[in-house]
């Protein structure tokens, strides 16, 4: 897993916004909305977004840490008018998945 913390551990620890970069959270919301609405769908959305952003050079390989260009993109996303609603959608999705976790 290249040193990544599992999604289940993130849920158990309650670490949501602080550990996941805004760009990945935004991507997860968009991918999740197009896919299956269950725990596996959320896991797939995280995997797709992490891998895609690593390939694009916005996230360091083998982690979810932003690169220099990723920080610039995250700042740009933060200034968009719908940034707050995207954060709320992310929180809602993860909370609902956490409630369904055994």
PDB file of N, CA and C in Angstrom:
ATOM      1  N   UNK A   1       0.804  -1.191   0.000  1.00  0.00           N
ATOM      2  CA  UNK A   1       0.000   0.000   0.000  1.00  0.00           C
ATOM      3  C   UNK A   1       0.853   1.264   0.000  1.00  0.00           C
ATOM      4  N   UNK A   2       2.142   1.108  -0.094  1.00  0.00           N
ATOM      5  CA  UNK A   2       3.064   2.237  -0.233  1.00  0.00           C
ATOM      6  C   UNK A   2       2.997   3.207   0.935  1.00  0.00           C
ATOM      7  N   UNK A   3       2.767   2.718   2.147  1.00  0.00           N
ATOM      8  CA  UNK A   3       2.779   3.589   3.305  1.00  0.00           C
ATOM      9  C   UNK A   3       1.508   4.391   3.529  1.00  0.00           C
ATOM     10  N   UNK A   4       0.476   4.147   2.752  1.00  0.00           N
ATOM     11  CA  UNK A   4      -0.778   4.868   2.943  1.00  0.00           C
ATOM     12  C   UNK A   4      -1.561   4.262   4.092  1.00  0.00           C
ATOM     13  N   UNK A   5      -2.241   5.080   4.820  1.00  0.00           N
ATOM     14  CA  UNK A   5      -3.127   4.619   5.874  1.00  0.00           C
ATOM     15  C   UNK A   5      -4.400   4.126   5.197  1.00  0.00           C
ATOM     16  N   UNK A   6      -4.925   3.001   5.643  1.00  0.00           N
ATOM     17  CA  UNK A   6      -6.129   2.473   5.012  1.00  0.00           C
ATOM     18  C   UNK A   6      -7.315   3.398   5.273  1.00  0.00           C
ATOM     19  N   UNK A   7      -8.271   3.367   4.374  1.00  0.00           N
ATOM     20  CA  UNK A   7      -9.457   4.201   4.486  1.00  0.00           C
ATOM     21  C   UNK A   7     -10.225   3.866   5.761  1.00  0.00           C
ATOM     22  N   UNK A   8     -10.244   2.595   6.142  1.00  0.00           N
ATOM     23  CA  UNK A   8     -10.921   2.187   7.365  1.00  0.00           C
ATOM     24  C   UNK A   8     -10.286   2.858   8.582  1.00  0.00           C
ATOM     25  N   UNK A   9      -8.958   2.932   8.606  1.00  0.00           N
ATOM     26  CA  UNK A   9      -8.273   3.591   9.718  1.00  0.00           C
ATOM     27  C   UNK A   9      -8.617   5.080   9.766  1.00  0.00           C
ATOM     28  N   UNK A  10      -8.722   5.709   8.602  1.00  0.00           N
ATOM     29  CA  UNK A  10      -9.100   7.125   8.559  1.00  0.00           C
ATOM     30  C   UNK A  10     -10.478   7.304   9.164  1.00  0.00           C
ATOM     31  N   UNK A  11     -11.405   6.414   8.815  1.00  0.00           N
ATOM     32  CA  UNK A  11     -12.770   6.501   9.357  1.00  0.00           C
ATOM     33  C   UNK A  11     -12.770   6.306  10.856  1.00  0.00           C
ATOM     34  N   UNK A  12     -12.047   5.288  11.330  1.00  0.00           N
ATOM     35  CA  UNK A  12     -12.044   4.988  12.760  1.00  0.00           C
ATOM     36  C   UNK A  12     -11.460   6.139  13.570  1.00  0.00           C
ATOM     37  N   UNK A  13     -10.435   6.776  13.042  1.00  0.00           N
ATOM     38  CA  UNK A  13      -9.782   7.858  13.762  1.00  0.00           C
ATOM     39  C   UNK A  13     -10.527   9.177  13.610  1.00  0.00           C
ATOM     40  N   UNK A  14     -11.483   9.232  12.698  1.00  0.00           N
ATOM     41  CA  UNK A  14     -12.247  10.455  12.499  1.00  0.00           C
ATOM     42  C   UNK A  14     -11.470  11.542  11.771  1.00  0.00           C
ATOM     43  N   UNK A  15     -10.384  11.158  11.109  1.00  0.00           N
ATOM     44  CA  UNK A  15      -9.564  12.133  10.389  1.00  0.00           C
ATOM     45  C   UNK A  15     -10.122  12.283   8.984  1.00  0.00           C
ATOM     46  N   UNK A  16     -10.725  13.408   8.725  1.00  0.00           N
ATOM     47  CA  UNK A  16     -11.311  13.613   7.412  1.00  0.00           C
ATOM     48  C   UNK A  16     -10.617  14.746   6.678  1.00  0.00           C
ATOM     49  N   UNK A  17     -10.977  15.958   6.982  1.00  0.00           N
ATOM     50  CA  UNK A  17     -10.461  17.106   6.244  1.00  0.00           C
ATOM     51  C   UNK A  17      -8.958  17.293   6.409  1.00  0.00           C
ATOM     52  N   UNK A  18      -8.449  17.149   7.609  1.00  0.00           N
ATOM     53  CA  UNK A  18      -7.062  17.518   7.865  1.00  0.00           C
ATOM     54  C   UNK A  18      -6.057  16.637   7.124  1.00  0.00           C
ATOM     55  N   UNK A  19      -6.372  15.383   6.897  1.00  0.00           N
ATOM     56  CA  UNK A  19      -5.408  14.466   6.287  1.00  0.00           C
ATOM     57  C   UNK A  19      -5.578  14.315   4.780  1.00  0.00           C
ATOM     58  N   UNK A  20      -6.720  14.645   4.258  1.00  0.00           N
ATOM     59  CA  UNK A  20      -6.986  14.478   2.833  1.00  0.00           C
ATOM     60  C   UNK A  20      -6.953  15.849   2.163  1.00  0.00           C
ATOM     61  N   UNK A  21      -6.054  16.037   1.186  1.00  0.00           N
ATOM     62  CA  UNK A  21      -6.001  17.338   0.509  1.00  0.00           C
ATOM     63  C   UNK A  21      -7.327  17.690  -0.164  1.00  0.00           C
ATOM     64  N   UNK A  22      -7.602  18.977  -0.212  1.00  0.00           N
ATOM     65  CA  UNK A  22      -8.861  19.474  -0.768  1.00  0.00           C
ATOM     66  C   UNK A  22      -9.075  18.999  -2.208  1.00  0.00           C
ATOM     67  N   UNK A  23      -8.022  18.959  -2.993  1.00  0.00           N
ATOM     68  CA  UNK A  23      -8.154  18.538  -4.389  1.00  0.00           C
ATOM     69  C   UNK A  23      -8.639  17.088  -4.473  1.00  0.00           C
ATOM     70  N   UNK A  24      -8.135  16.245  -3.594  1.00  0.00           N
ATOM     71  CA  UNK A  24      -8.575  14.838  -3.588  1.00  0.00           C
ATOM     72  C   UNK A  24     -10.009  14.754  -3.076  1.00  0.00           C
ATOM     73  N   UNK A  25     -10.353  15.520  -2.044  1.00  0.00           N
ATOM     74  CA  UNK A  25     -11.734  15.501  -1.535  1.00  0.00           C
ATOM     75  C   UNK A  25     -12.704  15.903  -2.633  1.00  0.00           C
ATOM     76  N   UNK A  26     -12.351  16.942  -3.376  1.00  0.00           N
ATOM     77  CA  UNK A  26     -13.220  17.429  -4.457  1.00  0.00           C
ATOM     78  C   UNK A  26     -13.391  16.350  -5.533  1.00  0.00           C
ATOM     79  N   UNK A  27     -12.291  15.706  -5.875  1.00  0.00           N
ATOM     80  CA  UNK A  27     -12.336  14.635  -6.875  1.00  0.00           C
ATOM     81  C   UNK A  27     -13.182  13.462  -6.382  1.00  0.00           C
ATOM     82  N   UNK A  28     -13.015  13.098  -5.115  1.00  0.00           N
ATOM     83  CA  UNK A  28     -13.774  11.973  -4.547  1.00  0.00           C
ATOM     84  C   UNK A  28     -15.273  12.234  -4.650  1.00  0.00           C
ATOM     85  N   UNK A  29     -15.695  13.448  -4.358  1.00  0.00           N
ATOM     86  CA  UNK A  29     -17.120  13.788  -4.441  1.00  0.00           C
ATOM     87  C   UNK A  29     -17.626  13.576  -5.864  1.00  0.00           C
ATOM     88  N   UNK A  30     -16.872  14.046  -6.840  1.00  0.00           N
ATOM     89  CA  UNK A  30     -17.308  13.928  -8.234  1.00  0.00           C
ATOM     90  C   UNK A  30     -17.329  12.480  -8.708  1.00  0.00           C
ATOM     91  N   UNK A  31     -16.299  11.705  -8.377  1.00  0.00           N
ATOM     92  CA  UNK A  31     -16.236  10.303  -8.813  1.00  0.00           C
ATOM     93  C   UNK A  31     -17.296   9.478  -8.092  1.00  0.00           C
ATOM     94  N   UNK A  32     -17.469   9.716  -6.801  1.00  0.00           N
ATOM     95  CA  UNK A  32     -18.450   8.967  -6.013  1.00  0.00           C
ATOM     96  C   UNK A  32     -19.863   9.206  -6.533  1.00  0.00           C
ATOM     97  N   UNK A  33     -20.167  10.449  -6.911  1.00  0.00           N
ATOM     98  CA  UNK A  33     -21.505  10.765  -7.417  1.00  0.00           C
ATOM     99  C   UNK A  33     -21.826  10.032  -8.713  1.00  0.00           C
ATOM    100  N   UNK A  34     -20.802   9.670  -9.477  1.00  0.00           N
ATOM    101  CA  UNK A  34     -21.022   8.981 -10.750  1.00  0.00           C
ATOM    102  C   UNK A  34     -21.023   7.466 -10.605  1.00  0.00           C
ATOM    103  N   UNK A  35     -20.573   6.952  -9.459  1.00  0.00           N
ATOM    104  CA  UNK A  35     -20.431   5.507  -9.275  1.00  0.00           C
ATOM    105  C   UNK A  35     -21.429   4.937  -8.285  1.00  0.00           C
ATOM    106  N   UNK A  36     -21.052   3.798  -7.724  1.00  0.00           N
ATOM    107  CA  UNK A  36     -21.892   3.117  -6.746  1.00  0.00           C
ATOM    108  C   UNK A  36     -21.875   3.878  -5.422  1.00  0.00           C
ATOM    109  N   UNK A  37     -23.038   3.937  -4.800  1.00  0.00           N
ATOM    110  CA  UNK A  37     -23.177   4.701  -3.551  1.00  0.00           C
ATOM    111  C   UNK A  37     -23.072   3.775  -2.335  1.00  0.00           C
ATOM    112  N   UNK A  38     -21.907   3.168  -2.180  1.00  0.00           N
ATOM    113  CA  UNK A  38     -21.681   2.308  -1.023  1.00  0.00           C
ATOM    114  C   UNK A  38     -20.230   2.450  -0.576  1.00  0.00           C
ATOM    115  N   UNK A  39     -19.849   1.683   0.425  1.00  0.00           N
ATOM    116  CA  UNK A  39     -18.501   1.783   0.985  1.00  0.00           C
ATOM    117  C   UNK A  39     -17.429   1.449  -0.057  1.00  0.00           C
ATOM    118  N   UNK A  40     -17.678   0.411  -0.853  1.00  0.00           N
ATOM    119  CA  UNK A  40     -16.708   0.043  -1.887  1.00  0.00           C
ATOM    120  C   UNK A  40     -16.597   1.139  -2.948  1.00  0.00           C
ATOM    121  N   UNK A  41     -17.717   1.771  -3.251  1.00  0.00           N
ATOM    122  CA  UNK A  41     -17.705   2.871  -4.210  1.00  0.00           C
ATOM    123  C   UNK A  41     -16.861   4.034  -3.723  1.00  0.00           C
ATOM    124  N   UNK A  42     -16.934   4.306  -2.422  1.00  0.00           N
ATOM    125  CA  UNK A  42     -16.128   5.376  -1.840  1.00  0.00           C
ATOM    126  C   UNK A  42     -14.644   4.996  -1.872  1.00  0.00           C
ATOM    127  N   UNK A  43     -14.344   3.751  -1.567  1.00  0.00           N
ATOM    128  CA  UNK A  43     -12.960   3.282  -1.608  1.00  0.00           C
ATOM    129  C   UNK A  43     -12.402   3.397  -3.027  1.00  0.00           C
ATOM    130  N   UNK A  44     -13.215   2.999  -4.008  1.00  0.00           N
ATOM    131  CA  UNK A  44     -12.792   3.106  -5.410  1.00  0.00           C
ATOM    132  C   UNK A  44     -12.559   4.566  -5.789  1.00  0.00           C
ATOM    133  N   UNK A  45     -13.431   5.453  -5.323  1.00  0.00           N
ATOM    134  CA  UNK A  45     -13.293   6.871  -5.640  1.00  0.00           C
ATOM    135  C   UNK A  45     -11.972   7.414  -5.090  1.00  0.00           C
ATOM    136  N   UNK A  46     -11.617   7.032  -3.856  1.00  0.00           N
ATOM    137  CA  UNK A  46     -10.342   7.460  -3.286  1.00  0.00           C
ATOM    138  C   UNK A  46      -9.167   6.917  -4.105  1.00  0.00           C
ATOM    139  N   UNK A  47      -9.243   5.650  -4.490  1.00  0.00           N
ATOM    140  CA  UNK A  47      -8.157   5.047  -5.272  1.00  0.00           C
ATOM    141  C   UNK A  47      -8.005   5.723  -6.631  1.00  0.00           C
ATOM    142  N   UNK A  48      -9.120   5.946  -7.300  1.00  0.00           N
ATOM    143  CA  UNK A  48      -9.092   6.585  -8.620  1.00  0.00           C
ATOM    144  C   UNK A  48      -8.504   7.990  -8.518  1.00  0.00           C
ATOM    145  N   UNK A  49      -8.983   8.759  -7.559  1.00  0.00           N
ATOM    146  CA  UNK A  49      -8.529  10.147  -7.421  1.00  0.00           C
ATOM    147  C   UNK A  49      -7.060  10.228  -7.023  1.00  0.00           C
ATOM    148  N   UNK A  50      -6.651   9.386  -6.096  1.00  0.00           N
ATOM    149  CA  UNK A  50      -5.256   9.400  -5.663  1.00  0.00           C
ATOM    150  C   UNK A  50      -4.339   9.056  -6.829  1.00  0.00           C
ATOM    151  N   UNK A  51      -4.649   7.984  -7.542  1.00  0.00           N
ATOM    152  CA  UNK A  51      -3.811   7.554  -8.668  1.00  0.00           C
ATOM    153  C   UNK A  51      -3.793   8.603  -9.781  1.00  0.00           C
ATOM    154  N   UNK A  52      -4.951   9.159 -10.100  1.00  0.00           N
ATOM    155  CA  UNK A  52      -5.039  10.158 -11.162  1.00  0.00           C
ATOM    156  C   UNK A  52      -4.221  11.394 -10.818  1.00  0.00           C
ATOM    157  N   UNK A  53      -4.312  11.836  -9.581  1.00  0.00           N
ATOM    158  CA  UNK A  53      -3.578  13.040  -9.185  1.00  0.00           C
ATOM    159  C   UNK A  53      -2.086  12.774  -9.051  1.00  0.00           C
ATOM    160  N   UNK A  54      -1.714  11.539  -8.738  1.00  0.00           N
ATOM    161  CA  UNK A  54      -0.295  11.196  -8.727  1.00  0.00           C
ATOM    162  C   UNK A  54       0.259  11.232 -10.152  1.00  0.00           C
ATOM    163  N   UNK A  55      -0.496  10.691 -11.089  1.00  0.00           N
ATOM    164  CA  UNK A  55      -0.067  10.716 -12.488  1.00  0.00           C
ATOM    165  C   UNK A  55       0.033  12.146 -13.014  1.00  0.00           C
ATOM    166  N   UNK A  56      -0.862  13.013 -12.568  1.00  0.00           N
ATOM    167  CA  UNK A  56      -0.870  14.404 -13.020  1.00  0.00           C
ATOM    168  C   UNK A  56       0.211  15.237 -12.339  1.00  0.00           C
ATOM    169  N   UNK A  57       0.872  14.671 -11.336  1.00  0.00           N
ATOM    170  CA  UNK A  57       1.943  15.391 -10.655  1.00  0.00           C
ATOM    171  C   UNK A  57       1.461  16.333  -9.568  1.00  0.00           C
ATOM    172  N   UNK A  58       0.211  16.224  -9.155  1.00  0.00           N
ATOM    173  CA  UNK A  58      -0.309  17.084  -8.103  1.00  0.00           C
ATOM    174  C   UNK A  58      -0.115  16.482  -6.721  1.00  0.00           C
ATOM    175  N   UNK A  59       0.059  15.154  -6.672  1.00  0.00           N
ATOM    176  CA  UNK A  59       0.254  14.446  -5.410  1.00  0.00           C
ATOM    177  C   UNK A  59       1.510  13.599  -5.551  1.00  0.00           C
ATOM    178  N   UNK A  60       2.329  13.542  -4.487  1.00  0.00           N
ATOM    179  CA  UNK A  60       3.561  12.755  -4.528  1.00  0.00           C
ATOM    180  C   UNK A  60       3.232  11.274  -4.671  1.00  0.00           C
ATOM    181  N   UNK A  61       4.057  10.570  -5.412  1.00  0.00           N
ATOM    182  CA  UNK A  61       3.865   9.131  -5.619  1.00  0.00           C
ATOM    183  C   UNK A  61       3.938   8.394  -4.280  1.00  0.00           C
ATOM    184  N   UNK A  62       3.036   7.439  -4.104  1.00  0.00           N
ATOM    185  CA  UNK A  62       3.028   6.625  -2.896  1.00  0.00           C
ATOM    186  C   UNK A  62       2.494   7.323  -1.660  1.00  0.00           C
ATOM    187  N   UNK A  63       1.865   8.482  -1.831  1.00  0.00           N
ATOM    188  CA  UNK A  63       1.317   9.191  -0.674  1.00  0.00           C
ATOM    189  C   UNK A  63       0.147  10.058  -1.121  1.00  0.00           C
ATOM    190  N   UNK A  64      -0.373  10.819  -0.185  1.00  0.00           N
ATOM    191  CA  UNK A  64      -1.405  11.804  -0.504  1.00  0.00           C
ATOM    192  C   UNK A  64      -0.916  13.209  -0.167  1.00  0.00           C
ATOM    193  N   UNK A  65       0.384  13.389  -0.156  1.00  0.00           N
ATOM    194  CA  UNK A  65       0.982  14.703   0.109  1.00  0.00           C
ATOM    195  C   UNK A  65       1.028  15.489  -1.200  1.00  0.00           C
ATOM    196  N   UNK A  66       0.643  16.754  -1.144  1.00  0.00           N
ATOM    197  CA  UNK A  66       0.630  17.590  -2.335  1.00  0.00           C
ATOM    198  C   UNK A  66       2.038  17.990  -2.760  1.00  0.00           C
ATOM    199  N   UNK A  67       2.235  18.067  -4.077  1.00  0.00           N
ATOM    200  CA  UNK A  67       3.466  18.614  -4.628  1.00  0.00           C
ATOM    201  C   UNK A  67       3.314  20.129  -4.687  1.00  0.00           C
ATOM    202  N   UNK A  68       4.344  20.801  -5.185  1.00  0.00           N
ATOM    203  CA  UNK A  68       4.287  22.255  -5.294  1.00  0.00           C
ATOM    204  C   UNK A  68       3.140  22.681  -6.219  1.00  0.00           C
ATOM    205  N   UNK A  69       2.990  21.995  -7.359  1.00  0.00           N
ATOM    206  CA  UNK A  69       1.893  22.347  -8.267  1.00  0.00           C
ATOM    207  C   UNK A  69       0.543  21.949  -7.674  1.00  0.00           C
ATOM    208  N   UNK A  70       0.526  20.895  -6.871  1.00  0.00           N
ATOM    209  CA  UNK A  70      -0.702  20.483  -6.203  1.00  0.00           C
ATOM    210  C   UNK A  70      -1.178  21.507  -5.189  1.00  0.00           C
ATOM    211  N   UNK A  71      -0.226  22.137  -4.505  1.00  0.00           N
ATOM    212  CA  UNK A  71      -0.577  23.188  -3.540  1.00  0.00           C
ATOM    213  C   UNK A  71      -1.209  24.369  -4.272  1.00  0.00           C
ATOM    214  N   UNK A  72      -0.643  24.716  -5.424  1.00  0.00           N
ATOM    215  CA  UNK A  72      -1.207  25.807  -6.218  1.00  0.00           C
ATOM    216  C   UNK A  72      -2.614  25.501  -6.684  1.00  0.00           C
ATOM    217  N   UNK A  73      -2.839  24.267  -7.121  1.00  0.00           N
ATOM    218  CA  UNK A  73      -4.163  23.852  -7.570  1.00  0.00           C
ATOM    219  C   UNK A  73      -5.147  23.839  -6.396  1.00  0.00           C
ATOM    220  N   UNK A  74      -4.706  23.372  -5.241  1.00  0.00           N
ATOM    221  CA  UNK A  74      -5.570  23.343  -4.055  1.00  0.00           C
ATOM    222  C   UNK A  74      -5.974  24.755  -3.645  1.00  0.00           C
ATOM    223  N   UNK A  75      -5.042  25.687  -3.761  1.00  0.00           N
ATOM    224  CA  UNK A  75      -5.352  27.082  -3.444  1.00  0.00           C
ATOM    225  C   UNK A  75      -6.387  27.620  -4.414  1.00  0.00           C
ATOM    226  N   UNK A  76      -6.232  27.266  -5.676  1.00  0.00           N
ATOM    227  CA  UNK A  76      -7.187  27.692  -6.695  1.00  0.00           C
ATOM    228  C   UNK A  76      -8.578  27.123  -6.396  1.00  0.00           C
ATOM    229  N   UNK A  77      -8.652  25.832  -6.008  1.00  0.00           N
ATOM    230  CA  UNK A  77      -9.936  25.220  -5.661  1.00  0.00           C
ATOM    231  C   UNK A  77     -10.564  25.913  -4.460  1.00  0.00           C
ATOM    232  N   UNK A  78      -9.752  26.293  -3.494  1.00  0.00           N
ATOM    233  CA  UNK A  78     -10.262  26.925  -2.270  1.00  0.00           C
ATOM    234  C   UNK A  78     -10.912  28.271  -2.551  1.00  0.00           C
ATOM    235  N   UNK A  79     -10.471  28.930  -3.613  1.00  0.00           N
ATOM    236  CA  UNK A  79     -11.014  30.235  -3.946  1.00  0.00           C
ATOM    237  C   UNK A  79     -12.294  30.166  -4.773  1.00  0.00           C
ATOM    238  N   UNK A  80     -12.630  28.973  -5.255  1.00  0.00           N
ATOM    239  CA  UNK A  80     -13.841  28.830  -6.066  1.00  0.00           C
ATOM    240  C   UNK A  80     -15.078  29.019  -5.187  1.00  0.00           C
ATOM    241  N   UNK A  81     -16.155  29.549  -5.772  1.00  0.00           N
ATOM    242  CA  UNK A  81     -17.364  29.814  -4.984  1.00  0.00           C
ATOM    243  C   UNK A  81     -18.014  28.555  -4.394  1.00  0.00           C
ATOM    244  N   UNK A  82     -17.854  27.411  -5.049  1.00  0.00           N
ATOM    245  CA  UNK A  82     -18.518  26.201  -4.564  1.00  0.00           C
ATOM    246  C   UNK A  82     -17.621  25.350  -3.659  1.00  0.00           C
ATOM    247  N   UNK A  83     -16.508  25.887  -3.189  1.00  0.00           N
ATOM    248  CA  UNK A  83     -15.571  25.120  -2.365  1.00  0.00           C
ATOM    249  C   UNK A  83     -16.222  24.630  -1.073  1.00  0.00           C
ATOM    250  N   UNK A  84     -16.998  25.476  -0.438  1.00  0.00           N
ATOM    251  CA  UNK A  84     -17.636  25.091   0.825  1.00  0.00           C
ATOM    252  C   UNK A  84     -18.662  23.980   0.611  1.00  0.00           C
ATOM    253  N   UNK A  85     -19.434  24.063  -0.465  1.00  0.00           N
ATOM    254  CA  UNK A  85     -20.432  23.020  -0.724  1.00  0.00           C
ATOM    255  C   UNK A  85     -19.754  21.695  -1.073  1.00  0.00           C
ATOM    256  N   UNK A  86     -18.597  21.759  -1.742  1.00  0.00           N
ATOM    257  CA  UNK A  86     -17.849  20.530  -2.041  1.00  0.00           C
ATOM    258  C   UNK A  86     -17.352  19.885  -0.744  1.00  0.00           C
ATOM    259  N   UNK A  87     -16.866  20.702   0.197  1.00  0.00           N
ATOM    260  CA  UNK A  87     -16.411  20.176   1.484  1.00  0.00           C
ATOM    261  C   UNK A  87     -17.569  19.545   2.254  1.00  0.00           C
ATOM    262  N   UNK A  88     -18.725  20.185   2.210  1.00  0.00           N
ATOM    263  CA  UNK A  88     -19.899  19.643   2.898  1.00  0.00           C
ATOM    264  C   UNK A  88     -20.345  18.332   2.261  1.00  0.00           C
ATOM    265  N   UNK A  89     -20.284  18.250   0.942  1.00  0.00           N
ATOM    266  CA  UNK A  89     -20.659  17.012   0.249  1.00  0.00           C
ATOM    267  C   UNK A  89     -19.694  15.892   0.624  1.00  0.00           C
ATOM    268  N   UNK A  90     -18.402  16.208   0.711  1.00  0.00           N
ATOM    269  CA  UNK A  90     -17.404  15.214   1.105  1.00  0.00           C
ATOM    270  C   UNK A  90     -17.688  14.700   2.514  1.00  0.00           C
ATOM    271  N   UNK A  91     -17.933  15.617   3.430  1.00  0.00           N
ATOM    272  CA  UNK A  91     -18.223  15.232   4.816  1.00  0.00           C
ATOM    273  C   UNK A  91     -19.465  14.339   4.882  1.00  0.00           C
ATOM    274  N   UNK A  92     -20.496  14.692   4.124  1.00  0.00           N
ATOM    275  CA  UNK A  92     -21.730  13.909   4.108  1.00  0.00           C
ATOM    276  C   UNK A  92     -21.485  12.486   3.580  1.00  0.00           C
ATOM    277  N   UNK A  93     -20.711  12.379   2.509  1.00  0.00           N
ATOM    278  CA  UNK A  93     -20.427  11.071   1.910  1.00  0.00           C
ATOM    279  C   UNK A  93     -19.647  10.190   2.876  1.00  0.00           C
ATOM    280  N   UNK A  94     -18.592  10.734   3.469  1.00  0.00           N
ATOM    281  CA  UNK A  94     -17.758   9.943   4.368  1.00  0.00           C
ATOM    282  C   UNK A  94     -18.517   9.584   5.638  1.00  0.00           C
ATOM    283  N   UNK A  95     -19.316  10.495   6.142  1.00  0.00           N
ATOM    284  CA  UNK A  95     -20.110  10.217   7.359  1.00  0.00           C
ATOM    285  C   UNK A  95     -21.088   9.082   7.087  1.00  0.00           C
ATOM    286  N   UNK A  96     -21.733   9.117   5.927  1.00  0.00           N
ATOM    287  CA  UNK A  96     -22.699   8.056   5.615  1.00  0.00           C
ATOM    288  C   UNK A  96     -21.984   6.717   5.446  1.00  0.00           C
ATOM    289  N   UNK A  97     -20.801   6.724   4.854  1.00  0.00           N
ATOM    290  CA  UNK A  97     -20.032   5.475   4.708  1.00  0.00           C
ATOM    291  C   UNK A  97     -19.556   4.965   6.052  1.00  0.00           C
ATOM    292  N   UNK A  98     -19.173   5.879   6.953  1.00  0.00           N
ATOM    293  CA  UNK A  98     -18.718   5.483   8.276  1.00  0.00           C
ATOM    294  C   UNK A  98     -19.852   4.840   9.077  1.00  0.00           C
ATOM    295  N   UNK A  99     -21.056   5.364   8.930  1.00  0.00           N
ATOM    296  CA  UNK A  99     -22.212   4.803   9.642  1.00  0.00           C
ATOM    297  C   UNK A  99     -22.530   3.388   9.167  1.00  0.00           C
ATOM    298  N   UNK A 100     -22.239   3.102   7.912  1.00  0.00           N
ATOM    299  CA  UNK A 100     -22.497   1.771   7.352  1.00  0.00           C
ATOM    300  C   UNK A 100     -21.380   0.780   7.640  1.00  0.00           C
ATOM    301  N   UNK A 101     -20.240   1.273   8.174  1.00  0.00           N
ATOM    302  CA  UNK A 101     -19.108   0.411   8.457  1.00  0.00           C
ATOM    303  C   UNK A 101     -19.435  -0.471   9.655  1.00  0.00           C
ATOM    304  N   UNK A 102     -19.173  -1.793   9.522  1.00  0.00           N
ATOM    305  CA  UNK A 102     -19.470  -2.696  10.637  1.00  0.00           C
ATOM    306  C   UNK A 102     -18.594  -2.468  11.839  1.00  0.00           C
TER     307      UNK A 102
END
